[in-house]
C-alpha atoms as a PDB file:
ATOM      1  CA  MET A   1       0.050   0.026  -0.231  1.00  0.00           C
ATOM      2  CA  ALA A   2       1.279   3.359  -0.838  1.00  0.00           C
ATOM      3  CA  SER A   3       2.231   5.513   1.946  1.00  0.00           C
ATOM      4  CA  ASN A   4       1.082   8.942   0.306  1.00  0.00           C
ATOM      5  CA  LEU A   5      -1.502   9.694  -1.793  1.00  0.00           C
ATOM      6  CA  ALA A   6       0.738  11.840  -4.883  1.00  0.00           C
ATOM      7  CA  HIS A   7      -1.055  10.433  -7.945  1.00  0.00           C
ATOM      8  CA  ARG A   8      -3.218   7.958  -6.377  1.00  0.00           C
ATOM      9  CA  PRO A   9      -6.822   7.751  -7.860  1.00  0.00           C
ATOM     10  CA  VAL A  10      -9.416   8.409  -4.921  1.00  0.00           C
ATOM     11  CA  LEU A  11     -13.284   8.053  -5.512  1.00  0.00           C
ATOM     12  CA  VAL A  12     -15.345   9.930  -2.771  1.00  0.00           C
ATOM     13  CA  THR A  13     -19.062   9.930  -2.840  1.00  0.00           C
ATOM     14  CA  GLY A  14     -21.688  12.181  -1.485  1.00  0.00           C
ATOM     15  CA  ALA A  15     -18.483  14.866  -2.136  1.00  0.00           C
ATOM     16  CA  ALA A  16     -20.789  18.075  -1.822  1.00  0.00           C
ATOM     17  CA  GLY A  17     -21.655  17.256   1.586  1.00  0.00           C
ATOM     18  CA  PHE A  18     -20.366  18.580   4.836  1.00  0.00           C
ATOM     19  CA  ILE A  19     -17.445  16.918   5.228  1.00  0.00           C
ATOM     20  CA  GLY A  20     -16.855  16.206   1.541  1.00  0.00           C
ATOM     21  CA  ARG A  21     -16.247  19.815   0.836  1.00  0.00           C
ATOM     22  CA  HIS A  22     -13.703  19.706   3.613  1.00  0.00           C
ATOM     23  CA  LEU A  23     -11.843  16.343   2.333  1.00  0.00           C
ATOM     24  CA  LEU A  24     -11.538  17.531  -1.152  1.00  0.00           C
ATOM     25  CA  PRO A  25      -8.786  20.226  -0.436  1.00  0.00           C
ATOM     26  CA  ARG A  26      -6.873  18.086   1.675  1.00  0.00           C
ATOM     27  CA  LEU A  27      -6.821  15.182  -0.967  1.00  0.00           C
ATOM     28  CA  ARG A  28      -5.935  17.628  -3.821  1.00  0.00           C
ATOM     29  CA  ALA A  29      -2.945  19.400  -1.763  1.00  0.00           C
ATOM     30  CA  ARG A  30      -1.495  15.800  -1.100  1.00  0.00           C
ATOM     31  CA  GLY A  31      -1.649  15.223  -5.030  1.00  0.00           C
ATOM     32  CA  ALA A  32      -4.694  12.822  -5.346  1.00  0.00           C
ATOM     33  CA  LEU A  33      -6.658  12.265  -8.677  1.00  0.00           C
ATOM     34  CA  VAL A  34      -9.780  12.841  -7.288  1.00  0.00           C
ATOM     35  CA  VAL A  35     -13.017  11.376  -8.768  1.00  0.00           C
ATOM     36  CA  ALA A  36     -15.919  13.009  -6.852  1.00  0.00           C
ATOM     37  CA  LEU A  37     -19.748  12.088  -6.722  1.00  0.00           C
ATOM     38  CA  ASP A  38     -22.758  13.577  -5.953  1.00  0.00           C
ATOM     39  CA  GLU A  39     -26.265  14.262  -6.635  1.00  0.00           C
ATOM     40  CA  ARG A  40     -25.691  17.989  -6.642  1.00  0.00           C
ATOM     41  CA  PRO A  41     -21.902  18.893  -7.950  1.00  0.00           C
ATOM     42  CA  PRO A  42     -21.086  22.470  -6.436  1.00  0.00           C
ATOM     43  CA  GLU A  43     -21.034  25.529  -8.726  1.00  0.00           C
ATOM     44  CA  GLY A  44     -19.322  28.747  -8.950  1.00  0.00           C
ATOM     45  CA  ALA A  45     -16.626  29.439  -6.286  1.00  0.00           C
ATOM     46  CA  ALA A  46     -17.212  26.092  -4.625  1.00  0.00           C
ATOM     47  CA  PHE A  47     -16.266  24.024  -7.852  1.00  0.00           C
ATOM     48  CA  ASP A  48     -12.351  22.806  -8.143  1.00  0.00           C
ATOM     49  CA  PRO A  49     -11.575  22.362 -11.670  1.00  0.00           C
ATOM     50  CA  ASN A  50      -9.053  19.955 -10.559  1.00  0.00           C
ATOM     51  CA  VAL A  51     -11.554  17.763  -9.427  1.00  0.00           C
ATOM     52  CA  THR A  52     -13.503  15.499 -11.872  1.00  0.00           C
ATOM     53  CA  TRP A  53     -17.114  16.001 -10.712  1.00  0.00           C
ATOM     54  CA  LEU A  54     -19.919  13.425 -11.708  1.00  0.00           C
ATOM     55  CA  ALA A  55     -23.407  14.172 -11.034  1.00  0.00           C
ATOM     56  CA  GLY A  56     -24.953  10.687 -10.175  1.00  0.00           C
ATOM     57  CA  SER A  57     -26.295   8.870  -7.398  1.00  0.00           C
ATOM     58  CA  VAL A  58     -24.851   6.101  -5.720  1.00  0.00           C
ATOM     59  CA  GLN A  59     -28.448   4.304  -5.648  1.00  0.00           C
ATOM     60  CA  VAL A  60     -28.049   4.089  -9.462  1.00  0.00           C
ATOM     61  CA  GLU A  61     -25.908   1.719 -10.107  1.00  0.00           C
ATOM     62  CA  ALA A  62     -25.135   3.458 -13.785  1.00  0.00           C
ATOM     63  CA  ASP A  63     -23.831   6.311 -12.149  1.00  0.00           C
ATOM     64  CA  LEU A  64     -21.247   4.498  -9.940  1.00  0.00           C
ATOM     65  CA  THR A  65     -20.432   2.444 -12.775  1.00  0.00           C
ATOM     66  CA  ARG A  66     -19.473   5.584 -14.593  1.00  0.00           C
ATOM     67  CA  ALA A  67     -17.472   6.829 -11.438  1.00  0.00           C
ATOM     68  CA  LEU A  68     -15.488   3.859 -11.202  1.00  0.00           C
ATOM     69  CA  GLU A  69     -14.622   3.934 -15.085  1.00  0.00           C
ATOM     70  CA  THR A  70     -13.460   7.568 -14.588  1.00  0.00           C
ATOM     71  CA  LEU A  71     -11.117   6.531 -12.300  1.00  0.00           C
ATOM     72  CA  PRO A  72      -7.361   6.725 -13.127  1.00  0.00           C
ATOM     73  CA  ALA A  73      -5.396   3.323 -13.455  1.00  0.00           C
ATOM     74  CA  GLY A  74      -3.937   2.697  -9.884  1.00  0.00           C
ATOM     75  CA  GLU A  75      -4.290   1.694  -6.520  1.00  0.00           C
ATOM     76  CA  ALA A  76      -7.448   3.738  -5.740  1.00  0.00           C
ATOM     77  CA  VAL A  77      -8.979   4.913  -2.465  1.00  0.00           C
ATOM     78  CA  LEU A  78     -12.801   5.241  -1.494  1.00  0.00           C
ATOM     79  CA  PHE A  79     -14.067   7.578   0.847  1.00  0.00           C
ATOM     80  CA  HIS A  80     -18.046   6.569   1.029  1.00  0.00           C
ATOM     81  CA  LEU A  81     -19.571   9.957   2.543  1.00  0.00           C
ATOM     82  CA  ALA A  82     -22.949   9.821   0.859  1.00  0.00           C
ATOM     83  CA  GLY A  83     -25.945   9.041   2.956  1.00  0.00           C
ATOM     84  CA  TRP A  84     -28.610  10.740   5.070  1.00  0.00           C
ATOM     85  CA  SER A  85     -27.355  12.145   8.370  1.00  0.00           C
ATOM     86  CA  HIS A  86     -30.205  14.269   9.808  1.00  0.00           C
ATOM     87  CA  VAL A  87     -31.979  12.048  12.571  1.00  0.00           C
ATOM     88  CA  GLU A  88     -35.241  13.726  11.667  1.00  0.00           C
ATOM     89  CA  GLN A  89     -35.128  12.678   7.991  1.00  0.00           C
ATOM     90  CA  CYS A  90     -34.427   9.229   8.705  1.00  0.00           C
ATOM     91  CA  GLU A  91     -37.326   9.205  11.438  1.00  0.00           C
ATOM     92  CA  ASN A  92     -39.953  10.265   8.691  1.00  0.00           C
ATOM     93  CA  ASP A  93     -38.865   7.774   6.206  1.00  0.00           C
ATOM     94  CA  PRO A  94     -36.948   4.738   7.386  1.00  0.00           C
ATOM     95  CA  ALA A  95     -37.433   2.895   4.600  1.00  0.00           C
ATOM     96  CA  GLY A  96     -35.501   5.025   2.602  1.00  0.00           C
ATOM     97  CA  ALA A  97     -33.196   6.004   5.219  1.00  0.00           C
ATOM     98  CA  ARG A  98     -32.023   2.306   5.271  1.00  0.00           C
ATOM     99  CA  ALA A  99     -31.886   2.107   1.582  1.00  0.00           C
ATOM    100  CA  LEU A 100     -29.235   4.773   1.151  1.00  0.00           C
ATOM    101  CA  ASN A 101     -27.791   4.414   4.489  1.00  0.00           C
ATOM    102  CA  VAL A 102     -27.082   0.533   4.527  1.00  0.00           C
ATOM    103  CA  GLU A 103     -28.121  -0.912   1.360  1.00  0.00           C
ATOM    104  CA  ALA A 104     -26.286   1.610  -0.913  1.00  0.00           C
ATOM    105  CA  ALA A 105     -23.187   1.430   0.983  1.00  0.00           C
ATOM    106  CA  LEU A 106     -22.998  -2.273   0.591  1.00  0.00           C
ATOM    107  CA  ASN A 107     -23.558  -2.242  -2.768  1.00  0.00           C
ATOM    108  CA  VAL A 108     -21.148   0.289  -3.279  1.00  0.00           C
ATOM    109  CA  ALA A 109     -18.500  -1.820  -1.174  1.00  0.00           C
ATOM    110  CA  GLY A 110     -19.619  -4.735  -3.533  1.00  0.00           C
ATOM    111  CA  LEU A 111     -18.816  -2.674  -6.806  1.00  0.00           C
ATOM    112  CA  TRP A 112     -15.660  -1.464  -5.835  1.00  0.00           C
ATOM    113  CA  ARG A 113     -14.085  -5.021  -4.810  1.00  0.00           C
ATOM    114  CA  ALA A 114     -15.644  -6.440  -8.053  1.00  0.00           C
ATOM    115  CA  GLN A 115     -13.471  -3.693  -9.577  1.00  0.00           C
ATOM    116  CA  GLY A 116     -10.343  -5.187  -8.128  1.00  0.00           C
ATOM    117  CA  TYR A 117     -10.200  -2.535  -5.409  1.00  0.00           C
ATOM    118  CA  SER A 118      -9.902  -2.538  -1.622  1.00  0.00           C
ATOM    119  CA  LYS A 119      -9.147   0.193   0.345  1.00  0.00           C
ATOM    120  CA  MET A 120     -12.493   2.054   1.892  1.00  0.00           C
ATOM    121  CA  VAL A 121     -13.105   4.749   4.403  1.00  0.00           C
ATOM    122  CA  PHE A 122     -16.680   4.970   5.850  1.00  0.00           C
ATOM    123  CA  PRO A 123     -17.394   7.567   8.361  1.00  0.00           C
ATOM    124  CA  SER A 124     -20.330   6.226  11.069  1.00  0.00           C
ATOM    125  CA  THR A 125     -21.279   8.004  14.217  1.00  0.00           C
ATOM    126  CA  ALA A 126     -20.421   7.851  18.091  1.00  0.00           C
ATOM    127  CA  LEU A 127     -24.396   7.383  18.559  1.00  0.00           C
ATOM    128  CA  VAL A 128     -24.206   4.326  18.325  1.00  0.00           C
ATOM    129  CA  TYR A 129     -22.502   4.075  21.733  1.00  0.00           C
ATOM    130  CA  ALA A 130     -24.874   3.832  24.907  1.00  0.00           C
ATOM    131  CA  PRO A 131     -24.867   7.359  26.584  1.00  0.00           C
ATOM    132  CA  ALA A 132     -22.462   7.066  29.400  1.00  0.00           C
ATOM    133  CA  CYS A 133     -23.485   8.736  32.882  1.00  0.00           C
ATOM    134  CA  ASP A 134     -20.239   8.022  34.540  1.00  0.00           C
ATOM    135  CA  GLY A 135     -18.262  10.523  32.922  1.00  0.00           C
ATOM    136  CA  ARG A 136     -16.198   7.973  30.966  1.00  0.00           C
ATOM    137  CA  SER A 137     -14.788   8.302  27.493  1.00  0.00           C
ATOM    138  CA  HIS A 138     -16.109   5.431  25.243  1.00  0.00           C
ATOM    139  CA  GLU A 139     -13.590   2.803  23.615  1.00  0.00           C
ATOM    140  CA  GLU A 140     -13.973   1.456  20.580  1.00  0.00           C
ATOM    141  CA  ASP A 141     -15.103  -2.125  21.936  1.00  0.00           C
ATOM    142  CA  ASP A 142     -17.283  -0.832  24.267  1.00  0.00           C
ATOM    143  CA  PRO A 143     -21.411  -1.980  24.200  1.00  0.00           C
ATOM    144  CA  VAL A 144     -23.092   0.074  21.604  1.00  0.00           C
ATOM    145  CA  GLN A 145     -27.114   0.974  21.831  1.00  0.00           C
ATOM    146  CA  PRO A 146     -28.389   2.422  18.893  1.00  0.00           C
ATOM    147  CA  ALA A 147     -31.515   4.602  19.677  1.00  0.00           C
ATOM    148  CA  GLY A 148     -33.326   5.777  16.195  1.00  0.00           C
ATOM    149  CA  VAL A 149     -33.336   5.118  12.646  1.00  0.00           C
ATOM    150  CA  TYR A 150     -30.271   6.979  11.974  1.00  0.00           C
ATOM    151  CA  THR A 151     -27.880   5.210  14.184  1.00  0.00           C
ATOM    152  CA  GLN A 152     -29.617   1.814  13.739  1.00  0.00           C
ATOM    153  CA  ASN A 153     -28.334   2.422   9.877  1.00  0.00           C
ATOM    154  CA  LYS A 154     -25.215   3.364  10.531  1.00  0.00           C
ATOM    155  CA  LEU A 155     -24.579   0.304  12.881  1.00  0.00           C
ATOM    156  CA  GLU A 156     -26.127  -1.771  10.470  1.00  0.00           C
ATOM    157  CA  ALA A 157     -23.519  -0.583   8.078  1.00  0.00           C
ATOM    158  CA  GLU A 158     -20.693  -0.982  10.165  1.00  0.00           C
ATOM    159  CA  GLN A 159     -21.465  -4.748  10.428  1.00  0.00           C
ATOM    160  CA  ARG A 160     -22.146  -5.732   7.155  1.00  0.00           C
ATOM    161  CA  LEU A 161     -19.648  -3.801   5.516  1.00  0.00           C
ATOM    162  CA  CYS A 162     -17.233  -5.779   7.933  1.00  0.00           C
ATOM    163  CA  ALA A 163     -18.849  -9.027   6.912  1.00  0.00           C
ATOM    164  CA  LEU A 164     -18.449  -8.655   3.409  1.00  0.00           C
ATOM    165  CA  ALA A 165     -14.818  -7.113   3.858  1.00  0.00           C
ATOM    166  CA  ARG A 166     -14.135 -10.395   5.264  1.00  0.00           C
ATOM    167  CA  VAL A 167     -15.434 -12.490   2.557  1.00  0.00           C
ATOM    168  CA  LYS A 168     -14.631 -10.554  -0.360  1.00  0.00           C
ATOM    169  CA  GLY A 169     -10.935  -9.111   1.002  1.00  0.00           C
ATOM    170  CA  LEU A 170     -12.111  -5.463   1.407  1.00  0.00           C
ATOM    171  CA  SER A 171      -9.676  -3.428   3.810  1.00  0.00           C
ATOM    172  CA  ILE A 172     -12.824  -1.048   5.509  1.00  0.00           C
ATOM    173  CA  GLU A 173     -11.420   1.557   8.156  1.00  0.00           C
ATOM    174  CA  ILE A 174     -14.564   2.715   9.808  1.00  0.00           C
ATOM    175  CA  ALA A 175     -14.391   5.909  11.788  1.00  0.00           C
ATOM    176  CA  ARG A 176     -16.735   6.558  14.582  1.00  0.00           C
ATOM    177  CA  LEU A 177     -17.263  10.479  14.669  1.00  0.00           C
ATOM    178  CA  SER A 178     -17.972  12.239  17.487  1.00  0.00           C
ATOM    179  CA  GLN A 179     -19.940  15.994  18.037  1.00  0.00           C
ATOM    180  CA  ILE A 180     -19.146  17.376  14.227  1.00  0.00           C
ATOM    181  CA  TYR A 181     -19.099  21.096  13.733  1.00  0.00           C
ATOM    182  CA  GLY A 182     -17.566  23.901  11.647  1.00  0.00           C
ATOM    183  CA  PRO A 183     -18.144  25.989   8.703  1.00  0.00           C
ATOM    184  CA  GLY A 184     -20.865  25.175   6.457  1.00  0.00           C
ATOM    185  CA  ALA A 185     -22.652  22.792   8.520  1.00  0.00           C
ATOM    186  CA  ALA A 186     -26.280  22.494   8.356  1.00  0.00           C
ATOM    187  CA  GLY A 187     -28.089  24.995  10.837  1.00  0.00           C
ATOM    188  CA  ASP A 188     -29.841  22.633  13.277  1.00  0.00           C
ATOM    189  CA  THR A 189     -26.627  21.052  14.369  1.00  0.00           C
ATOM    190  CA  VAL A 190     -25.985  22.359  18.093  1.00  0.00           C
ATOM    191  CA  VAL A 191     -23.281  24.916  17.436  1.00  0.00           C
ATOM    192  CA  ALA A 192     -24.950  26.065  14.692  1.00  0.00           C
ATOM    193  CA  GLN A 193     -28.208  26.986  16.575  1.00  0.00           C
ATOM    194  CA  ALA A 194     -25.513  28.768  19.628  1.00  0.00           C
ATOM    195  CA  ILE A 195     -24.297  30.838  16.817  1.00  0.00           C
ATOM    196  CA  GLY A 196     -27.264  31.599  15.484  1.00  0.00           C
ATOM    197  CA  HIS A 197     -29.089  32.710  18.251  1.00  0.00           C
ATOM    198  CA  ALA A 198     -26.024  35.059  18.892  1.00  0.00           C
ATOM    199  CA  LEU A 199     -25.755  36.309  15.489  1.00  0.00           C
ATOM    200  CA  ALA A 200     -29.344  37.818  16.220  1.00  0.00           C
ATOM    201  CA  GLY A 201     -28.251  39.332  19.337  1.00  0.00           C
ATOM    202  CA  ASP A 202     -29.606  36.771  21.691  1.00  0.00           C
ATOM    203  CA  PRO A 203     -28.009  34.610  24.548  1.00  0.00           C
ATOM    204  CA  PRO A 204     -28.208  31.356  22.533  1.00  0.00           C
ATOM    205  CA  VAL A 205     -31.149  29.658  24.064  1.00  0.00           C
ATOM    206  CA  MET A 206     -30.337  25.233  24.560  1.00  0.00           C
ATOM    207  CA  ARG A 207     -32.702  22.429  24.809  1.00  0.00           C
ATOM    208  CA  LYS A 208     -29.974  20.315  26.689  1.00  0.00           C
ATOM    209  CA  PRO A 209     -27.317  22.530  28.393  1.00  0.00           C
ATOM    210  CA  GLY A 210     -25.906  19.930  30.788  1.00  0.00           C
ATOM    211  CA  GLU A 211     -25.033  17.319  27.682  1.00  0.00           C
ATOM    212  CA  VAL A 212     -21.392  16.640  27.359  1.00  0.00           C
ATOM    213  CA  LEU A 213     -20.507  16.080  23.727  1.00  0.00           C
ATOM    214  CA  ASP A 214     -17.197  15.721  22.620  1.00  0.00           C
ATOM    215  CA  PHE A 215     -16.915  18.402  19.771  1.00  0.00           C
ATOM    216  CA  ILE A 216     -14.660  18.160  16.570  1.00  0.00           C
ATOM    217  CA  HIS A 217     -13.883  20.517  13.811  1.00  0.00           C
ATOM    218  CA  VAL A 218     -14.583  19.376  10.207  1.00  0.00           C
ATOM    219  CA  GLN A 219     -11.172  20.172   9.435  1.00  0.00           C
ATOM    220  CA  ASP A 220      -9.680  17.496  12.032  1.00  0.00           C
ATOM    221  CA  VAL A 221     -12.173  15.282  10.696  1.00  0.00           C
ATOM    222  CA  ALA A 222     -10.743  15.558   7.487  1.00  0.00           C
ATOM    223  CA  GLU A 223      -7.805  15.111   8.365  1.00  0.00           C
ATOM    224  CA  GLY A 224      -8.157  11.597  10.611  1.00  0.00           C
ATOM    225  CA  LEU A 225     -10.075  10.384   7.712  1.00  0.00           C
ATOM    226  CA  LEU A 226      -7.544  10.974   5.027  1.00  0.00           C
ATOM    227  CA  ARG A 227      -4.970   9.119   7.882  1.00  0.00           C
ATOM    228  CA  LEU A 228      -7.022   6.468   7.418  1.00  0.00           C
ATOM    229  CA  ALA A 229      -6.764   5.989   4.099  1.00  0.00           C
ATOM    230  CA  LEU A 230      -3.194   5.969   4.292  1.00  0.00           C
ATOM    231  CA  LEU A 231      -2.969   2.772   6.993  1.00  0.00           C
ATOM    232  CA  PRO A 232      -1.666  -0.503   5.032  1.00  0.00           C
ATOM    233  CA  GLU A 233      -4.318  -2.825   3.188  1.00  0.00           C
ATOM    234  CA  THR A 234      -5.516  -5.773   5.451  1.00  0.00           C
ATOM    235  CA  VAL A 235      -8.506  -8.031   5.046  1.00  0.00           C
ATOM    236  CA  GLY A 236     -11.813  -6.841   7.053  1.00  0.00           C
ATOM    237  CA  CYS A 237     -12.423  -3.948   9.002  1.00  0.00           C
ATOM    238  CA  GLN A 238     -11.265  -1.645  11.565  1.00  0.00           C
ATOM    239  CA  VAL A 239     -13.023   0.720  13.691  1.00  0.00           C
ATOM    240  CA  VAL A 240     -11.461   3.772  15.228  1.00  0.00           C
ATOM    241  CA  ASN A 241     -13.369   6.832  17.252  1.00  0.00           C
ATOM    242  CA  LEU A 242     -12.453  10.072  15.430  1.00  0.00           C
ATOM    243  CA  SER A 243     -12.992  12.702  17.982  1.00  0.00           C
ATOM    244  CA  SER A 244     -11.510  15.413  20.041  1.00  0.00           C
ATOM    245  CA  GLY A 245     -11.395  13.198  23.186  1.00  0.00           C
ATOM    246  CA  ARG A 246     -12.415  15.879  25.296  1.00  0.00           C
ATOM    247  CA  GLY A 247     -16.023  16.887  26.597  1.00  0.00           C
ATOM    248  CA  HIS A 248     -17.876  20.090  27.015  1.00  0.00           C
ATOM    249  CA  SER A 249     -21.515  20.909  28.206  1.00  0.00           C
ATOM    250  CA  VAL A 250     -23.734  22.292  25.541  1.00  0.00           C
ATOM    251  CA  GLY A 251     -24.000  25.151  28.185  1.00  0.00           C
ATOM    252  CA  GLN A 252     -20.077  25.726  28.476  1.00  0.00           C
ATOM    253  CA  MET A 253     -20.251  25.587  24.517  1.00  0.00           C
ATOM    254  CA  ALA A 254     -23.370  27.958  24.527  1.00  0.00           C
ATOM    255  CA  GLU A 255     -21.286  30.254  26.880  1.00  0.00           C
ATOM    256  CA  MET A 256     -18.313  30.467  24.716  1.00  0.00           C
ATOM    257  CA  VAL A 257     -20.388  31.716  22.077  1.00  0.00           C
ATOM    258  CA  ARG A 258     -22.234  34.149  24.087  1.00  0.00           C
ATOM    259  CA  GLN A 259     -18.635  35.843  25.405  1.00  0.00           C
ATOM    260  CA  MET A 260     -17.336  35.618  21.428  1.00  0.00           C
ATOM    261  CA  ALA A 261     -20.488  37.467  20.173  1.00  0.00           C
ATOM    262  CA  GLY A 262     -20.279  40.230  23.032  1.00  0.00           C
ATOM    263  CA  ILE A 263     -23.627  39.525  24.291  1.00  0.00           C
ATOM    264  CA  HIS A 264     -22.985  41.001  28.260  1.00  0.00           C
ATOM    265  CA  GLU A 265     -26.970  40.593  29.012  1.00  0.00           C
ATOM    266  CA  GLY A 266     -28.311  37.209  29.957  1.00  0.00           C
ATOM    267  CA  SER A 267     -26.663  33.708  29.712  1.00  0.00           C
ATOM    268  CA  PRO A 268     -27.476  30.452  27.648  1.00  0.00           C
ATOM    269  CA  GLN A 269     -31.162  29.735  28.440  1.00  0.00           C
ATOM    270  CA  VAL A 270     -32.548  26.558  28.832  1.00  0.00           C
ATOM    271  CA  MET A 271     -35.809  25.453  26.194  1.00  0.00           C
ATOM    272  CA  GLY A 272     -38.558  22.846  26.513  1.00  0.00           C
ATOM    273  CA  GLN A 273     -36.287  20.512  28.676  1.00  0.00           C
ATOM    274  CA  LYS A 274     -34.383  20.321  32.111  1.00  0.00           C
ATOM    275  CA  ALA A 275     -30.629  20.054  31.440  1.00  0.00           C
ATOM    276  CA  ALA A 276     -29.488  16.417  30.558  1.00  0.00           C
ATOM    277  CA  ASN A 277     -26.727  14.558  32.367  1.00  0.00           C
ATOM    278  CA  LYS A 278     -26.023  12.436  29.045  1.00  0.00           C
ATOM    279  CA  VAL A 279     -21.947  12.261  28.582  1.00  0.00           C
ATOM    280  CA  LEU A 280     -20.883  11.006  25.246  1.00  0.00           C
ATOM    281  CA  VAL A 281     -16.986  11.766  24.755  1.00  0.00           C
ATOM    282  CA  LEU A 282     -14.635   9.266  22.669  1.00  0.00           C
ATOM    283  CA  ASN A 283     -11.333   8.080  23.340  1.00  0.00           C
ATOM    284  CA  ASN A 284      -9.147   8.367  20.329  1.00  0.00           C
ATOM    285  CA  THR A 285      -5.987   6.915  21.716  1.00  0.00           C
ATOM    286  CA  ARG A 286      -6.190   4.413  18.744  1.00  0.00           C
ATOM    287  CA  LEU A 287      -6.563   6.393  15.930  1.00  0.00           C
ATOM    288  CA  LYS A 288      -3.648   8.694  17.136  1.00  0.00           C
ATOM    289  CA  ALA A 289      -1.632   5.462  18.088  1.00  0.00           C
ATOM    290  CA  LEU A 290      -2.219   3.888  14.261  1.00  0.00           C
ATOM    291  CA  THR A 291      -1.804   7.577  12.404  1.00  0.00           C
ATOM    292  CA  GLY A 292      -0.028   9.892  14.328  1.00  0.00           C
ATOM    293  CA  TRP A 293      -3.387  12.148  13.870  1.00  0.00           C
ATOM    294  CA  GLN A 294      -3.785  14.817  16.365  1.00  0.00           C
ATOM    295  CA  PRO A 295      -6.804  17.687  16.444  1.00  0.00           C
ATOM    296  CA  GLU A 296      -5.353  20.831  15.528  1.00  0.00           C
ATOM    297  CA  TYR A 297      -8.741  22.879  16.600  1.00  0.00           C
ATOM    298  CA  ASP A 298      -9.685  23.499  20.318  1.00  0.00           C
ATOM    299  CA  LEU A 299     -13.273  24.303  20.558  1.00  0.00           C
ATOM    300  CA  ALA A 300     -12.258  27.936  21.301  1.00  0.00           C
ATOM    301  CA  ALA A 301     -10.381  28.146  18.209  1.00  0.00           C
ATOM    302  CA  GLY A 302     -12.901  26.126  16.265  1.00  0.00           C
ATOM    303  CA  LEU A 303     -16.327  28.315  17.411  1.00  0.00           C
ATOM    304  CA  ALA A 304     -14.454  31.337  16.422  1.00  0.00           C
ATOM    305  CA  GLN A 305     -13.733  30.176  12.571  1.00  0.00           C
ATOM    306  CA  THR A 306     -17.315  28.717  12.902  1.00  0.00           C
ATOM    307  CA  TRP A 307     -19.018  32.249  13.893  1.00  0.00           C
ATOM    308  CA  GLN A 308     -16.712  34.266  11.484  1.00  0.00           C
ATOM    309  CA  GLU A 309     -18.071  32.057   8.382  1.00  0.00           C
ATOM    310  CA  MET A 310     -21.744  32.299   9.448  1.00  0.00           C
ATOM    311  CA  LYS A 311     -21.380  35.707  10.416  1.00  0.00           C
ATOM    312  CA  GLY A 312     -19.730  36.268   6.892  1.00  0.00           C
ATOM    313  CA  ARG A 313     -22.906  34.279   5.128  1.00  0.00           C
ATOM    314  CA  ARG A 314     -25.010  36.320   6.472  1.00  0.00           C
ATOM    315  CA  GLY A 315     -23.551  39.588   5.111  1.00  0.00           C
END
């Protein structure tokens, strides 16, 4: 397995999504030959002429075949980012969510292997773990307890991809992501909600200020996924936590946003429910040991960058 990505063919599905938009520049900076598949390729300033963009769906075999045929020859890597990640969307259409998040992932992996490729990187979620209330951070071998359609989809995809890898000879890296945030995140994420309130001049209003989460910047996620792609190929799958490894309560995060915004009156407010004491922090020791990866952003720096990006979008 090559130790770098220079002149390596790389296929990224769901490339125009939140993570994909941050991963692609890092791939290009390392000299990868990138083919990007998405139903809605970007236009204008977001369009990178050095990336081969294809409009298509991972649920349409002809689109996948075209993407595979477009890849330059060489030892290729697949980043399968396509899927539904919004909990409400998955709950409203469980069959559609499973078709995309599980069945399409299996089909993509099967076609990838049929073309003679083996290396695949697949992002999953920290939400597969049972929330802890004792302050302990989760390790990869901890028990899982998915709640809801989205997390059930992700865990089923993990398990079936691992089984497929063993049978077909794939080498799959599965990254369980903690609470991802950063420029370009959806407006319904907890950090974007806090910043949205502050940009309106109001103290952030949070549903669960006592909930302790492991906030990780999207740029750190992109680098972690890239590092996993460079690991030696071994038949089977490997699960790693991709996280900051540090817990902050939602209330602490909101207070940092309030201070950053210069809102001097009031404090982050509770909306709807009492503060929760759920703790969802991940131990990232395995990822660091395997790849040498370290998070670049602490929460203060990441919030400041996200604040500037959201402020700029609002004009």
